[in-house]
């Protein structure tokens, strides 16, 4: 781990050669933003890349001059055509060097656009999603246009770099970029271009889906489980377990269940699915915010064939995303697991899944929950 952290620090600081550094004239007057806190408050930077979009919440209260300079460059179009030129797999990605507009200057990537800003170190930690200024080696007051995004927590960098933003959306895009091929210097071998950076007012927080509906409203919804063996339709029991119904509907609508698998089958008992770790693709940043644990809502619904209930660990308050469908009467589960729905169509599909060849309780062939479609 220590070797990785040292490598991250080396990459986060532009590796300019002594010759290049000696030719760079000293900055007589560091940049000071003419923008007020009000001008910069509640702003986001939308970075459109050739791999997807990353949205950053800017932090003028922590680093006003860095935010002001970033906003100035963005409005001038200075980032358009630059690239994310360095990466550490599942560590950081680095971009914003104006020299990266020219593929012929690849040898100099990481040396451009620096020496403009004094450090504005704050208590903002370099955790996953932190956006911080790149520096010249051993020069704390040498930031400029270059920045790096921490894909995962980088505690060793805390207090060493100016954090001026945090990823609000698209951390998964940054992660994908960090996993792109690199050469022995950590430079990306393929161009990952920044198409444009635009500044906008941060939109108001979105209301949490399915948070205000009454039990009667929730009862009108159905969920269609599109499995690789056929569809299964559920109706809900919001009068028995309203918060579990809300949770299931919001996870389904956000696509959290898409691409999970039926990972456990116990014949004459249950088939189980919905576990995030079985997804064919990782959750997006937005999807992750919806995954939580639930307080139990044990009720008098009997666990019979077709009853849908939440799986959990020993802690009754540990249910999260995984759920099971009973294939037979299971009185041992009554009042110990939260039943929140029942199968109204497709029980034959559940039966077919139950009969799949097994290794212990695991299906030999992947049985996918391709999607969950919410409808009224």
Foldseek 3Di string as FASTA:
>chain_A
DVVVLVLVLVVLAQADDPVLVVPDDADPDADDAPDDCVRLPQKWKWWQKPLGIWIKGFACVQPVRVSRQQQVCQVVFQQAQWFQWFAAQLFKTKIQFSVRSDPVVNVRPRPHFKNHAAFRADQDFLAQFWKWFHHHPPDRGIGGRMIMGTLGGNRVCHRRTRTTIGTPFDSVSRNVVNPADDDPSRTHPDTIGRRHMHMDRNDPDDDQPPPPDDLVVLQPKKKWFQKPLGIWIKGWDCVQPVVVSRLQVSLQVQFQQAQWFQFFADPQFKTKIFDSVRHPDHDTPVSVVSWDWAQARADQDFQAAFFKWFDADPPLRGTTTMIIGTRGGDRVCHSSIHTIIGTPDDSVSVVVVNPADDDHGGHPDTMTRRGMDMDD
